[in-house]
């Protein structure tokens, strides 16, 4: 079951791999894969002058899947 925590201002995660994407001028999306395969998501969205955050726990699991090595995409501007 996915649990959502809104307006999280601090995260401490151990033993995770991180994937993030800039979704536009106003949003950044993070995916955290834990050593047990659990996947969590973290979104940061700007709404006017305010930042909103949502941390979604246990959105999926990669246990048993063939997970590729990380890909780094060169910086680009929007």
PDB file of N, CA and C in Angstrom:
ATOM      1  N   UNK A   1       0.843  -1.177   0.000  1.00  0.00           N
ATOM      2  CA  UNK A   1       0.000   0.000   0.000  1.00  0.00           C
ATOM      3  C   UNK A   1       0.888   1.240   0.000  1.00  0.00           C
ATOM      4  N   UNK A   2       0.543   2.199  -0.831  1.00  0.00           N
ATOM      5  CA  UNK A   2       1.307   3.428  -0.935  1.00  0.00           C
ATOM      6  C   UNK A   2       0.837   4.440   0.111  1.00  0.00           C
ATOM      7  N   UNK A   3       1.798   4.982   0.842  1.00  0.00           N
ATOM      8  CA  UNK A   3       1.505   6.031   1.810  1.00  0.00           C
ATOM      9  C   UNK A   3       2.077   7.324   1.253  1.00  0.00           C
ATOM     10  N   UNK A   4       1.319   8.413   1.305  1.00  0.00           N
ATOM     11  CA  UNK A   4       1.796   9.711   0.839  1.00  0.00           C
ATOM     12  C   UNK A   4       1.995  10.651   2.008  1.00  0.00           C
ATOM     13  N   UNK A   5       3.166  11.274   2.044  1.00  0.00           N
ATOM     14  CA  UNK A   5       3.477  12.276   3.046  1.00  0.00           C
ATOM     15  C   UNK A   5       3.618  13.607   2.322  1.00  0.00           C
ATOM     16  N   UNK A   6       2.807  14.591   2.689  1.00  0.00           N
ATOM     17  CA  UNK A   6       2.813  15.875   1.994  1.00  0.00           C
ATOM     18  C   UNK A   6       3.651  16.898   2.733  1.00  0.00           C
ATOM     19  N   UNK A   7       4.306  17.757   1.952  1.00  0.00           N
ATOM     20  CA  UNK A   7       5.138  18.852   2.429  1.00  0.00           C
ATOM     21  C   UNK A   7       6.264  18.405   3.356  1.00  0.00           C
ATOM     22  N   UNK A   8       6.883  17.293   2.978  1.00  0.00           N
ATOM     23  CA  UNK A   8       8.076  16.795   3.663  1.00  0.00           C
ATOM     24  C   UNK A   8       9.196  17.800   3.426  1.00  0.00           C
ATOM     25  N   UNK A   9       9.927  18.161   4.473  1.00  0.00           N
ATOM     26  CA  UNK A   9      11.002  19.137   4.290  1.00  0.00           C
ATOM     27  C   UNK A   9      12.387  18.539   4.495  1.00  0.00           C
ATOM     28  N   UNK A  10      12.452  17.238   4.826  1.00  0.00           N
ATOM     29  CA  UNK A  10      13.751  16.620   5.056  1.00  0.00           C
ATOM     30  C   UNK A  10      13.619  15.112   4.866  1.00  0.00           C
ATOM     31  N   UNK A  11      14.612  14.504   4.189  1.00  0.00           N
ATOM     32  CA  UNK A  11      14.631  13.048   3.991  1.00  0.00           C
ATOM     33  C   UNK A  11      15.992  12.505   4.393  1.00  0.00           C
ATOM     34  N   UNK A  12      15.995  11.362   5.068  1.00  0.00           N
ATOM     35  CA  UNK A  12      17.219  10.630   5.364  1.00  0.00           C
ATOM     36  C   UNK A  12      17.004   9.201   4.885  1.00  0.00           C
ATOM     37  N   UNK A  13      17.745   8.790   3.866  1.00  0.00           N
ATOM     38  CA  UNK A  13      17.596   7.451   3.303  1.00  0.00           C
ATOM     39  C   UNK A  13      18.961   6.783   3.241  1.00  0.00           C
ATOM     40  N   UNK A  14      19.021   5.520   3.632  1.00  0.00           N
ATOM     41  CA  UNK A  14      20.256   4.744   3.559  1.00  0.00           C
ATOM     42  C   UNK A  14      20.110   3.638   2.513  1.00  0.00           C
ATOM     43  N   UNK A  15      21.223   3.285   1.899  1.00  0.00           N
ATOM     44  CA  UNK A  15      21.275   2.151   0.975  1.00  0.00           C
ATOM     45  C   UNK A  15      20.222   2.239  -0.131  1.00  0.00           C
ATOM     46  N   UNK A  16      20.195   3.365  -0.827  1.00  0.00           N
ATOM     47  CA  UNK A  16      19.264   3.542  -1.938  1.00  0.00           C
ATOM     48  C   UNK A  16      20.019   3.972  -3.189  1.00  0.00           C
ATOM     49  N   UNK A  17      19.466   3.628  -4.338  1.00  0.00           N
ATOM     50  CA  UNK A  17      19.942   4.220  -5.578  1.00  0.00           C
ATOM     51  C   UNK A  17      18.918   5.288  -5.956  1.00  0.00           C
ATOM     52  N   UNK A  18      19.391   6.344  -6.592  1.00  0.00           N
ATOM     53  CA  UNK A  18      18.542   7.500  -6.869  1.00  0.00           C
ATOM     54  C   UNK A  18      18.448   7.732  -8.371  1.00  0.00           C
ATOM     55  N   UNK A  19      17.242   8.004  -8.820  1.00  0.00           N
ATOM     56  CA  UNK A  19      16.981   8.408 -10.201  1.00  0.00           C
ATOM     57  C   UNK A  19      16.139   9.669 -10.092  1.00  0.00           C
ATOM     58  N   UNK A  20      16.562  10.729 -10.767  1.00  0.00           N
ATOM     59  CA  UNK A  20      15.737  11.936 -10.728  1.00  0.00           C
ATOM     60  C   UNK A  20      15.611  12.527 -12.115  1.00  0.00           C
ATOM     61  N   UNK A  21      14.524  13.249 -12.306  1.00  0.00           N
ATOM     62  CA  UNK A  21      14.273  13.909 -13.582  1.00  0.00           C
ATOM     63  C   UNK A  21      13.697  15.293 -13.323  1.00  0.00           C
ATOM     64  N   UNK A  22      14.185  16.270 -14.081  1.00  0.00           N
ATOM     65  CA  UNK A  22      13.592  17.597 -14.078  1.00  0.00           C
ATOM     66  C   UNK A  22      12.407  17.519 -15.035  1.00  0.00           C
ATOM     67  N   UNK A  23      11.223  17.746 -14.506  1.00  0.00           N
ATOM     68  CA  UNK A  23      10.009  17.571 -15.290  1.00  0.00           C
ATOM     69  C   UNK A  23       9.564  18.860 -15.983  1.00  0.00           C
ATOM     70  N   UNK A  24      10.270  19.936 -15.752  1.00  0.00           N
ATOM     71  CA  UNK A  24       9.932  21.235 -16.331  1.00  0.00           C
ATOM     72  C   UNK A  24      10.478  22.316 -15.426  1.00  0.00           C
ATOM     73  N   UNK A  25      10.107  23.552 -15.701  1.00  0.00           N
ATOM     74  CA  UNK A  25      10.601  24.670 -14.893  1.00  0.00           C
ATOM     75  C   UNK A  25      10.110  24.626 -13.454  1.00  0.00           C
ATOM     76  N   UNK A  26       9.009  23.918 -13.210  1.00  0.00           N
ATOM     77  CA  UNK A  26       8.384  23.967 -11.896  1.00  0.00           C
ATOM     78  C   UNK A  26       8.317  22.632 -11.160  1.00  0.00           C
ATOM     79  N   UNK A  27       9.002  21.596 -11.656  1.00  0.00           N
ATOM     80  CA  UNK A  27       8.858  20.288 -11.005  1.00  0.00           C
ATOM     81  C   UNK A  27      10.098  19.415 -11.169  1.00  0.00           C
ATOM     82  N   UNK A  28      10.411  18.695 -10.087  1.00  0.00           N
ATOM     83  CA  UNK A  28      11.493  17.702 -10.085  1.00  0.00           C
ATOM     84  C   UNK A  28      10.923  16.422  -9.474  1.00  0.00           C
ATOM     85  N   UNK A  29      11.249  15.283 -10.081  1.00  0.00           N
ATOM     86  CA  UNK A  29      10.756  13.980  -9.635  1.00  0.00           C
ATOM     87  C   UNK A  29      11.947  13.112  -9.270  1.00  0.00           C
ATOM     88  N   UNK A  30      11.881  12.432  -8.120  1.00  0.00           N
ATOM     89  CA  UNK A  30      12.932  11.524  -7.668  1.00  0.00           C
ATOM     90  C   UNK A  30      12.346  10.139  -7.457  1.00  0.00           C
ATOM     91  N   UNK A  31      13.120   9.124  -7.805  1.00  0.00           N
ATOM     92  CA  UNK A  31      12.770   7.746  -7.499  1.00  0.00           C
ATOM     93  C   UNK A  31      13.901   7.168  -6.664  1.00  0.00           C
ATOM     94  N   UNK A  32      13.572   6.549  -5.535  1.00  0.00           N
ATOM     95  CA  UNK A  32      14.551   5.927  -4.651  1.00  0.00           C
ATOM     96  C   UNK A  32      14.295   4.425  -4.636  1.00  0.00           C
ATOM     97  N   UNK A  33      15.294   3.641  -5.003  1.00  0.00           N
ATOM     98  CA  UNK A  33      15.174   2.190  -4.943  1.00  0.00           C
ATOM     99  C   UNK A  33      16.013   1.692  -3.780  1.00  0.00           C
ATOM    100  N   UNK A  34      15.350   1.078  -2.812  1.00  0.00           N
ATOM    101  CA  UNK A  34      16.013   0.562  -1.619  1.00  0.00           C
ATOM    102  C   UNK A  34      16.682  -0.777  -1.918  1.00  0.00           C
ATOM    103  N   UNK A  35      17.606  -1.193  -1.065  1.00  0.00           N
ATOM    104  CA  UNK A  35      18.334  -2.444  -1.264  1.00  0.00           C
ATOM    105  C   UNK A  35      17.404  -3.665  -1.297  1.00  0.00           C
ATOM    106  N   UNK A  36      16.213  -3.569  -0.693  1.00  0.00           N
ATOM    107  CA  UNK A  36      15.251  -4.677  -0.726  1.00  0.00           C
ATOM    108  C   UNK A  36      14.344  -4.627  -1.952  1.00  0.00           C
ATOM    109  N   UNK A  37      14.570  -3.646  -2.846  1.00  0.00           N
ATOM    110  CA  UNK A  37      13.797  -3.531  -4.074  1.00  0.00           C
ATOM    111  C   UNK A  37      12.632  -2.565  -4.008  1.00  0.00           C
ATOM    112  N   UNK A  38      12.273  -2.106  -2.819  1.00  0.00           N
ATOM    113  CA  UNK A  38      11.157  -1.171  -2.678  1.00  0.00           C
ATOM    114  C   UNK A  38      11.475   0.136  -3.391  1.00  0.00           C
ATOM    115  N   UNK A  39      10.469   0.685  -4.068  1.00  0.00           N
ATOM    116  CA  UNK A  39      10.618   1.959  -4.775  1.00  0.00           C
ATOM    117  C   UNK A  39       9.751   3.011  -4.091  1.00  0.00           C
ATOM    118  N   UNK A  40      10.346   4.179  -3.808  1.00  0.00           N
ATOM    119  CA  UNK A  40       9.631   5.333  -3.278  1.00  0.00           C
ATOM    120  C   UNK A  40       9.804   6.481  -4.268  1.00  0.00           C
ATOM    121  N   UNK A  41       8.839   7.394  -4.294  1.00  0.00           N
ATOM    122  CA  UNK A  41       8.916   8.566  -5.160  1.00  0.00           C
ATOM    123  C   UNK A  41       8.815   9.840  -4.333  1.00  0.00           C
ATOM    124  N   UNK A  42       9.539  10.861  -4.801  1.00  0.00           N
ATOM    125  CA  UNK A  42       9.516  12.170  -4.147  1.00  0.00           C
ATOM    126  C   UNK A  42       9.363  13.225  -5.219  1.00  0.00           C
ATOM    127  N   UNK A  43       8.364  14.076  -5.084  1.00  0.00           N
ATOM    128  CA  UNK A  43       8.091  15.138  -6.046  1.00  0.00           C
ATOM    129  C   UNK A  43       8.238  16.496  -5.373  1.00  0.00           C
ATOM    130  N   UNK A  44       8.887  17.408  -6.076  1.00  0.00           N
ATOM    131  CA  UNK A  44       8.998  18.794  -5.630  1.00  0.00           C
ATOM    132  C   UNK A  44       8.379  19.647  -6.732  1.00  0.00           C
ATOM    133  N   UNK A  45       7.381  20.433  -6.363  1.00  0.00           N
ATOM    134  CA  UNK A  45       6.658  21.238  -7.342  1.00  0.00           C
ATOM    135  C   UNK A  45       6.576  22.671  -6.837  1.00  0.00           C
ATOM    136  N   UNK A  46       6.855  23.607  -7.730  1.00  0.00           N
ATOM    137  CA  UNK A  46       6.701  25.023  -7.388  1.00  0.00           C
ATOM    138  C   UNK A  46       5.322  25.480  -7.842  1.00  0.00           C
ATOM    139  N   UNK A  47       4.598  26.077  -6.912  1.00  0.00           N
ATOM    140  CA  UNK A  47       3.280  26.648  -7.216  1.00  0.00           C
ATOM    141  C   UNK A  47       3.351  28.119  -6.860  1.00  0.00           C
ATOM    142  N   UNK A  48       3.615  28.934  -7.858  1.00  0.00           N
ATOM    143  CA  UNK A  48       3.840  30.358  -7.604  1.00  0.00           C
ATOM    144  C   UNK A  48       5.164  30.526  -6.876  1.00  0.00           C
ATOM    145  N   UNK A  49       5.127  31.116  -5.686  1.00  0.00           N
ATOM    146  CA  UNK A  49       6.345  31.313  -4.897  1.00  0.00           C
ATOM    147  C   UNK A  49       6.532  30.231  -3.843  1.00  0.00           C
ATOM    148  N   UNK A  50       5.642  29.243  -3.812  1.00  0.00           N
ATOM    149  CA  UNK A  50       5.673  28.206  -2.787  1.00  0.00           C
ATOM    150  C   UNK A  50       6.122  26.861  -3.365  1.00  0.00           C
ATOM    151  N   UNK A  51       6.938  26.124  -2.594  1.00  0.00           N
ATOM    152  CA  UNK A  51       7.311  24.759  -2.965  1.00  0.00           C
ATOM    153  C   UNK A  51       6.399  23.777  -2.250  1.00  0.00           C
ATOM    154  N   UNK A  52       5.927  22.778  -2.973  1.00  0.00           N
ATOM    155  CA  UNK A  52       5.154  21.693  -2.389  1.00  0.00           C
ATOM    156  C   UNK A  52       5.916  20.404  -2.613  1.00  0.00           C
ATOM    157  N   UNK A  53       5.861  19.502  -1.640  1.00  0.00           N
ATOM    158  CA  UNK A  53       6.535  18.213  -1.783  1.00  0.00           C
ATOM    159  C   UNK A  53       5.569  17.085  -1.450  1.00  0.00           C
ATOM    160  N   UNK A  54       5.755  15.956  -2.121  1.00  0.00           N
ATOM    161  CA  UNK A  54       5.009  14.737  -1.810  1.00  0.00           C
ATOM    162  C   UNK A  54       5.990  13.574  -1.849  1.00  0.00           C
ATOM    163  N   UNK A  55       6.042  12.808  -0.764  1.00  0.00           N
ATOM    164  CA  UNK A  55       6.862  11.593  -0.684  1.00  0.00           C
ATOM    165  C   UNK A  55       5.911  10.407  -0.669  1.00  0.00           C
ATOM    166  N   UNK A  56       5.987   9.565  -1.694  1.00  0.00           N
ATOM    167  CA  UNK A  56       5.127   8.385  -1.813  1.00  0.00           C
ATOM    168  C   UNK A  56       5.950   7.145  -1.506  1.00  0.00           C
ATOM    169  N   UNK A  57       5.584   6.460  -0.438  1.00  0.00           N
ATOM    170  CA  UNK A  57       6.310   5.272   0.008  1.00  0.00           C
ATOM    171  C   UNK A  57       5.775   4.017  -0.672  1.00  0.00           C
ATOM    172  N   UNK A  58       6.692   3.115  -1.005  1.00  0.00           N
ATOM    173  CA  UNK A  58       6.347   1.794  -1.513  1.00  0.00           C
ATOM    174  C   UNK A  58       5.434   1.844  -2.733  1.00  0.00           C
ATOM    175  N   UNK A  59       5.859   2.578  -3.760  1.00  0.00           N
ATOM    176  CA  UNK A  59       5.074   2.695  -4.991  1.00  0.00           C
ATOM    177  C   UNK A  59       5.286   1.516  -5.928  1.00  0.00           C
ATOM    178  N   UNK A  60       6.255   0.676  -5.618  1.00  0.00           N
ATOM    179  CA  UNK A  60       6.525  -0.501  -6.443  1.00  0.00           C
ATOM    180  C   UNK A  60       7.698  -1.265  -5.885  1.00  0.00           C
ATOM    181  N   UNK A  61       8.125  -2.319  -6.620  1.00  0.00           N
ATOM    182  CA  UNK A  61       9.240  -3.137  -6.176  1.00  0.00           C
ATOM    183  C   UNK A  61       9.946  -3.716  -7.397  1.00  0.00           C
ATOM    184  N   UNK A  62      11.272  -3.647  -7.396  1.00  0.00           N
ATOM    185  CA  UNK A  62      12.064  -4.166  -8.509  1.00  0.00           C
ATOM    186  C   UNK A  62      12.687  -5.521  -8.177  1.00  0.00           C
ATOM    187  N   UNK A  63      12.311  -6.110  -7.068  1.00  0.00           N
ATOM    188  CA  UNK A  63      12.874  -7.401  -6.654  1.00  0.00           C
ATOM    189  C   UNK A  63      12.710  -8.413  -7.793  1.00  0.00           C
ATOM    190  N   UNK A  64      13.812  -8.996  -8.210  1.00  0.00           N
ATOM    191  CA  UNK A  64      13.778  -9.994  -9.269  1.00  0.00           C
ATOM    192  C   UNK A  64      13.839  -9.433 -10.674  1.00  0.00           C
ATOM    193  N   UNK A  65      13.771  -8.112 -10.815  1.00  0.00           N
ATOM    194  CA  UNK A  65      13.857  -7.505 -12.144  1.00  0.00           C
ATOM    195  C   UNK A  65      15.310  -7.225 -12.492  1.00  0.00           C
ATOM    196  N   UNK A  66      15.623  -7.140 -13.759  1.00  0.00           N
ATOM    197  CA  UNK A  66      16.956  -6.785 -14.218  1.00  0.00           C
ATOM    198  C   UNK A  66      17.038  -5.266 -14.278  1.00  0.00           C
ATOM    199  N   UNK A  67      17.636  -4.661 -13.261  1.00  0.00           N
ATOM    200  CA  UNK A  67      17.733  -3.207 -13.185  1.00  0.00           C
ATOM    201  C   UNK A  67      19.028  -2.761 -13.853  1.00  0.00           C
ATOM    202  N   UNK A  68      18.911  -1.833 -14.787  1.00  0.00           N
ATOM    203  CA  UNK A  68      20.072  -1.346 -15.526  1.00  0.00           C
ATOM    204  C   UNK A  68      20.943  -0.449 -14.667  1.00  0.00           C
ATOM    205  N   UNK A  69      22.180  -0.275 -15.112  1.00  0.00           N
ATOM    206  CA  UNK A  69      23.090   0.671 -14.461  1.00  0.00           C
ATOM    207  C   UNK A  69      22.549   2.081 -14.671  1.00  0.00           C
ATOM    208  N   UNK A  70      22.867   3.013 -13.767  1.00  0.00           N
ATOM    209  CA  UNK A  70      22.356   4.378 -13.914  1.00  0.00           C
ATOM    210  C   UNK A  70      22.832   5.050 -15.200  1.00  0.00           C
ATOM    211  N   UNK A  71      21.988   5.878 -15.754  1.00  0.00           N
ATOM    212  CA  UNK A  71      22.318   6.672 -16.927  1.00  0.00           C
ATOM    213  C   UNK A  71      22.329   8.132 -16.518  1.00  0.00           C
ATOM    214  N   UNK A  72      23.403   8.835 -16.842  1.00  0.00           N
ATOM    215  CA  UNK A  72      23.492  10.259 -16.523  1.00  0.00           C
ATOM    216  C   UNK A  72      23.248  11.040 -17.803  1.00  0.00           C
ATOM    217  N   UNK A  73      22.248  11.888 -17.774  1.00  0.00           N
ATOM    218  CA  UNK A  73      21.902  12.702 -18.931  1.00  0.00           C
ATOM    219  C   UNK A  73      22.555  14.063 -18.752  1.00  0.00           C
ATOM    220  N   UNK A  74      23.258  14.556 -19.791  1.00  0.00           N
ATOM    221  CA  UNK A  74      23.911  15.873 -19.670  1.00  0.00           C
ATOM    222  C   UNK A  74      22.912  16.974 -19.332  1.00  0.00           C
ATOM    223  N   UNK A  75      23.397  17.978 -18.626  1.00  0.00           N
ATOM    224  CA  UNK A  75      22.565  19.109 -18.236  1.00  0.00           C
ATOM    225  C   UNK A  75      22.011  19.806 -19.477  1.00  0.00           C
ATOM    226  N   UNK A  76      20.762  20.208 -19.387  1.00  0.00           N
ATOM    227  CA  UNK A  76      20.137  20.962 -20.461  1.00  0.00           C
ATOM    228  C   UNK A  76      19.296  22.067 -19.858  1.00  0.00           C
ATOM    229  N   UNK A  77      18.974  23.057 -20.654  1.00  0.00           N
ATOM    230  CA  UNK A  77      18.142  24.146 -20.163  1.00  0.00           C
ATOM    231  C   UNK A  77      16.793  24.095 -20.842  1.00  0.00           C
ATOM    232  N   UNK A  78      15.800  24.600 -20.130  1.00  0.00           N
ATOM    233  CA  UNK A  78      14.436  24.593 -20.655  1.00  0.00           C
ATOM    234  C   UNK A  78      14.082  25.970 -21.153  1.00  0.00           C
TER     235      UNK A  78
END
